[in-house]
Amino acid sequence: MFLLQCPKCKNKMRYQGKDIYLTGKRKKCVYCGKSFKVNSNITKNYKN
């Protein structure tokens, strides 16, 4: 599980990646609706 930060509104949200490879993955912000790349916006990695 990862903590992502939206580049537009700067809100943080959780992302549970099912794959180890996050190269082409995209996420839509739940607050403003902007779509962004997961790999370049990770702020924290949770070990579970």
PDB file of N, CA and C in Angstrom:
ATOM      1  N   MET A   1       0.842  -1.165   0.000  1.00  0.00           N
ATOM      2  CA  MET A   1       0.000   0.000   0.000  1.00  0.00           C
ATOM      3  C   MET A   1       0.892   1.235   0.000  1.00  0.00           C
ATOM      4  N   PHE A   2       0.505   2.226  -0.787  1.00  0.00           N
ATOM      5  CA  PHE A   2       1.301   3.436  -0.935  1.00  0.00           C
ATOM      6  C   PHE A   2       0.481   4.663  -0.575  1.00  0.00           C
ATOM      7  N   LEU A   3       1.152   5.718  -0.170  1.00  0.00           N
ATOM      8  CA  LEU A   3       0.511   7.007   0.062  1.00  0.00           C
ATOM      9  C   LEU A   3       0.926   7.911  -1.094  1.00  0.00           C
ATOM     10  N   LEU A   4      -0.058   8.405  -1.841  1.00  0.00           N
ATOM     11  CA  LEU A   4       0.193   9.249  -3.003  1.00  0.00           C
ATOM     12  C   LEU A   4      -0.244  10.672  -2.702  1.00  0.00           C
ATOM     13  N   GLN A   5       0.397  11.631  -3.384  1.00  0.00           N
ATOM     14  CA  GLN A   5       0.004  13.027  -3.265  1.00  0.00           C
ATOM     15  C   GLN A   5      -0.337  13.561  -4.650  1.00  0.00           C
ATOM     16  N   CYS A   6      -1.505  14.154  -4.776  1.00  0.00           N
ATOM     17  CA  CYS A   6      -1.956  14.714  -6.046  1.00  0.00           C
ATOM     18  C   CYS A   6      -1.106  15.930  -6.394  1.00  0.00           C
ATOM     19  N   PRO A   7      -0.585  16.011  -7.623  1.00  0.00           N
ATOM     20  CA  PRO A   7       0.244  17.167  -7.995  1.00  0.00           C
ATOM     21  C   PRO A   7      -0.553  18.453  -8.164  1.00  0.00           C
ATOM     22  N   LYS A   8      -1.860  18.367  -8.343  1.00  0.00           N
ATOM     23  CA  LYS A   8      -2.679  19.565  -8.544  1.00  0.00           C
ATOM     24  C   LYS A   8      -3.189  20.150  -7.228  1.00  0.00           C
ATOM     25  N   CYS A   9      -3.898  19.336  -6.434  1.00  0.00           N
ATOM     26  CA  CYS A   9      -4.522  19.855  -5.214  1.00  0.00           C
ATOM     27  C   CYS A   9      -3.728  19.548  -3.946  1.00  0.00           C
ATOM     28  N   LYS A  10      -2.660  18.741  -4.048  1.00  0.00           N
ATOM     29  CA  LYS A  10      -1.752  18.395  -2.945  1.00  0.00           C
ATOM     30  C   LYS A  10      -2.404  17.582  -1.839  1.00  0.00           C
ATOM     31  N   ASN A  11      -3.579  16.994  -2.083  1.00  0.00           N
ATOM     32  CA  ASN A  11      -4.197  16.106  -1.103  1.00  0.00           C
ATOM     33  C   ASN A  11      -3.544  14.732  -1.171  1.00  0.00           C
ATOM     34  N   LYS A  12      -3.531  14.027  -0.043  1.00  0.00           N
ATOM     35  CA  LYS A  12      -2.913  12.708   0.018  1.00  0.00           C
ATOM     36  C   LYS A  12      -3.994  11.640   0.062  1.00  0.00           C
ATOM     37  N   MET A  13      -3.726  10.512  -0.605  1.00  0.00           N
ATOM     38  CA  MET A  13      -4.668   9.394  -0.636  1.00  0.00           C
ATOM     39  C   MET A  13      -3.899   8.086  -0.693  1.00  0.00           C
ATOM     40  N   ARG A  14      -4.538   7.002  -0.284  1.00  0.00           N
ATOM     41  CA  ARG A  14      -3.911   5.687  -0.299  1.00  0.00           C
ATOM     42  C   ARG A  14      -4.124   5.010  -1.639  1.00  0.00           C
ATOM     43  N   TYR A  15      -3.154   4.175  -2.020  1.00  0.00           N
ATOM     44  CA  TYR A  15      -3.235   3.389  -3.249  1.00  0.00           C
ATOM     45  C   TYR A  15      -2.691   2.008  -2.954  1.00  0.00           C
ATOM     46  N   GLN A  16      -3.515   0.997  -3.189  1.00  0.00           N
ATOM     47  CA  GLN A  16      -3.059  -0.378  -2.982  1.00  0.00           C
ATOM     48  C   GLN A  16      -2.742  -0.977  -4.342  1.00  0.00           C
ATOM     49  N   GLY A  17      -1.460  -1.067  -4.640  1.00  0.00           N
ATOM     50  CA  GLY A  17      -1.024  -1.625  -5.907  1.00  0.00           C
ATOM     51  C   GLY A  17      -1.054  -3.135  -5.877  1.00  0.00           C
ATOM     52  N   LYS A  18      -1.647  -3.747  -6.883  1.00  0.00           N
ATOM     53  CA  LYS A  18      -1.691  -5.201  -6.959  1.00  0.00           C
ATOM     54  C   LYS A  18      -0.426  -5.761  -7.599  1.00  0.00           C
ATOM     55  N   ASP A  19       0.302  -4.930  -8.317  1.00  0.00           N
ATOM     56  CA  ASP A  19       1.525  -5.344  -8.996  1.00  0.00           C
ATOM     57  C   ASP A  19       2.737  -4.739  -8.298  1.00  0.00           C
ATOM     58  N   ILE A  20       3.866  -5.357  -8.494  1.00  0.00           N
ATOM     59  CA  ILE A  20       5.119  -4.794  -8.010  1.00  0.00           C
ATOM     60  C   ILE A  20       5.560  -3.667  -8.939  1.00  0.00           C
ATOM     61  N   TYR A  21       5.248  -3.811 -10.214  1.00  0.00           N
ATOM     62  CA  TYR A  21       5.673  -2.830 -11.214  1.00  0.00           C
ATOM     63  C   TYR A  21       4.642  -1.725 -11.335  1.00  0.00           C
ATOM     64  N   LEU A  22       5.027  -0.500 -11.028  1.00  0.00           N
ATOM     65  CA  LEU A  22       4.119   0.645 -11.058  1.00  0.00           C
ATOM     66  C   LEU A  22       4.460   1.601 -12.189  1.00  0.00           C
ATOM     67  N   THR A  23       5.183   1.137 -13.192  1.00  0.00           N
ATOM     68  CA  THR A  23       5.690   2.010 -14.235  1.00  0.00           C
ATOM     69  C   THR A  23       4.593   2.679 -15.050  1.00  0.00           C
ATOM     70  N   GLY A  24       3.600   1.957 -15.513  1.00  0.00           N
ATOM     71  CA  GLY A  24       2.574   2.539 -16.372  1.00  0.00           C
ATOM     72  C   GLY A  24       1.248   2.796 -15.680  1.00  0.00           C
ATOM     73  N   LYS A  25       1.209   2.712 -14.358  1.00  0.00           N
ATOM     74  CA  LYS A  25      -0.046   2.843 -13.625  1.00  0.00           C
ATOM     75  C   LYS A  25      -0.424   4.309 -13.454  1.00  0.00           C
ATOM     76  N   ARG A  26      -1.735   4.580 -13.517  1.00  0.00           N
ATOM     77  CA  ARG A  26      -2.267   5.922 -13.318  1.00  0.00           C
ATOM     78  C   ARG A  26      -3.371   5.869 -12.271  1.00  0.00           C
ATOM     79  N   LYS A  27      -3.569   6.970 -11.572  1.00  0.00           N
ATOM     80  CA  LYS A  27      -4.591   7.078 -10.535  1.00  0.00           C
ATOM     81  C   LYS A  27      -5.353   8.372 -10.736  1.00  0.00           C
ATOM     82  N   LYS A  28      -6.646   8.330 -10.515  1.00  0.00           N
ATOM     83  CA  LYS A  28      -7.473   9.524 -10.592  1.00  0.00           C
ATOM     84  C   LYS A  28      -7.687  10.042  -9.175  1.00  0.00           C
ATOM     85  N   CYS A  29      -7.450  11.320  -8.969  1.00  0.00           N
ATOM     86  CA  CYS A  29      -7.596  11.934  -7.647  1.00  0.00           C
ATOM     87  C   CYS A  29      -9.060  11.896  -7.226  1.00  0.00           C
ATOM     88  N   VAL A  30      -9.315  11.517  -5.981  1.00  0.00           N
ATOM     89  CA  VAL A  30     -10.677  11.431  -5.475  1.00  0.00           C
ATOM     90  C   VAL A  30     -11.213  12.811  -5.073  1.00  0.00           C
ATOM     91  N   TYR A  31     -10.341  13.801  -4.974  1.00  0.00           N
ATOM     92  CA  TYR A  31     -10.744  15.141  -4.560  1.00  0.00           C
ATOM     93  C   TYR A  31     -10.996  16.073  -5.746  1.00  0.00           C
ATOM     94  N   CYS A  32     -10.053  16.149  -6.694  1.00  0.00           N
ATOM     95  CA  CYS A  32     -10.187  17.105  -7.796  1.00  0.00           C
ATOM     96  C   CYS A  32     -10.439  16.440  -9.148  1.00  0.00           C
ATOM     97  N   GLY A  33     -10.175  15.135  -9.278  1.00  0.00           N
ATOM     98  CA  GLY A  33     -10.454  14.422 -10.521  1.00  0.00           C
ATOM     99  C   GLY A  33      -9.305  14.374 -11.506  1.00  0.00           C
ATOM    100  N   LYS A  34      -8.151  14.935 -11.166  1.00  0.00           N
ATOM    101  CA  LYS A  34      -6.999  14.901 -12.069  1.00  0.00           C
ATOM    102  C   LYS A  34      -6.391  13.507 -12.089  1.00  0.00           C
ATOM    103  N   SER A  35      -5.994  13.053 -13.272  1.00  0.00           N
ATOM    104  CA  SER A  35      -5.335  11.767 -13.430  1.00  0.00           C
ATOM    105  C   SER A  35      -3.825  11.997 -13.464  1.00  0.00           C
ATOM    106  N   PHE A  36      -3.076  11.176 -12.703  1.00  0.00           N
ATOM    107  CA  PHE A  36      -1.620  11.349 -12.634  1.00  0.00           C
ATOM    108  C   PHE A  36      -0.933  10.002 -12.521  1.00  0.00           C
ATOM    109  N   LYS A  37       0.366   9.981 -12.790  1.00  0.00           N
ATOM    110  CA  LYS A  37       1.152   8.756 -12.719  1.00  0.00           C
ATOM    111  C   LYS A  37       1.444   8.393 -11.265  1.00  0.00           C
ATOM    112  N   VAL A  38       1.282   7.128 -10.949  1.00  0.00           N
ATOM    113  CA  VAL A  38       1.476   6.641  -9.583  1.00  0.00           C
ATOM    114  C   VAL A  38       2.948   6.660  -9.207  1.00  0.00           C
ATOM    115  N   ASN A  39       3.800   6.217 -10.097  1.00  0.00           N
ATOM    116  CA  ASN A  39       5.218   6.016  -9.802  1.00  0.00           C
ATOM    117  C   ASN A  39       5.924   7.300  -9.377  1.00  0.00           C
ATOM    118  N   SER A  40       5.591   8.431  -9.963  1.00  0.00           N
ATOM    119  CA  SER A  40       6.304   9.668  -9.662  1.00  0.00           C
ATOM    120  C   SER A  40       5.688  10.458  -8.511  1.00  0.00           C
ATOM    121  N   ASN A  41       4.586  10.006  -7.933  1.00  0.00           N
ATOM    122  CA  ASN A  41       3.911  10.760  -6.871  1.00  0.00           C
ATOM    123  C   ASN A  41       3.773   9.983  -5.570  1.00  0.00           C
ATOM    124  N   ILE A  42       4.618   8.989  -5.331  1.00  0.00           N
ATOM    125  CA  ILE A  42       4.586   8.217  -4.084  1.00  0.00           C
ATOM    126  C   ILE A  42       5.298   9.017  -3.004  1.00  0.00           C
ATOM    127  N   THR A  43       4.632   9.190  -1.851  1.00  0.00           N
ATOM    128  CA  THR A  43       5.254   9.892  -0.734  1.00  0.00           C
ATOM    129  C   THR A  43       5.707   8.946   0.370  1.00  0.00           C
ATOM    130  N   LYS A  44       4.975   7.806   0.533  1.00  0.00           N
ATOM    131  CA  LYS A  44       5.324   6.870   1.595  1.00  0.00           C
ATOM    132  C   LYS A  44       4.911   5.462   1.181  1.00  0.00           C
ATOM    133  N   ASN A  45       5.677   4.475   1.607  1.00  0.00           N
ATOM    134  CA  ASN A  45       5.406   3.068   1.325  1.00  0.00           C
ATOM    135  C   ASN A  45       5.062   2.374   2.638  1.00  0.00           C
ATOM    136  N   TYR A  46       3.853   1.785   2.717  1.00  0.00           N
ATOM    137  CA  TYR A  46       3.442   1.040   3.907  1.00  0.00           C
ATOM    138  C   TYR A  46       3.821  -0.414   3.746  1.00  0.00           C
ATOM    139  N   LYS A  47       4.369  -1.001   4.806  1.00  0.00           N
ATOM    140  CA  LYS A  47       4.796  -2.403   4.765  1.00  0.00           C
ATOM    141  C   LYS A  47       3.660  -3.378   5.054  1.00  0.00           C
ATOM    142  N   ASN A  48       2.571  -2.904   5.648  1.00  0.00           N
ATOM    143  CA  ASN A  48       1.409  -3.723   6.074  1.00  0.00           C
ATOM    144  C   ASN A  48       1.869  -4.660   7.145  1.00  0.00           C
TER     145      ASN A  48
END
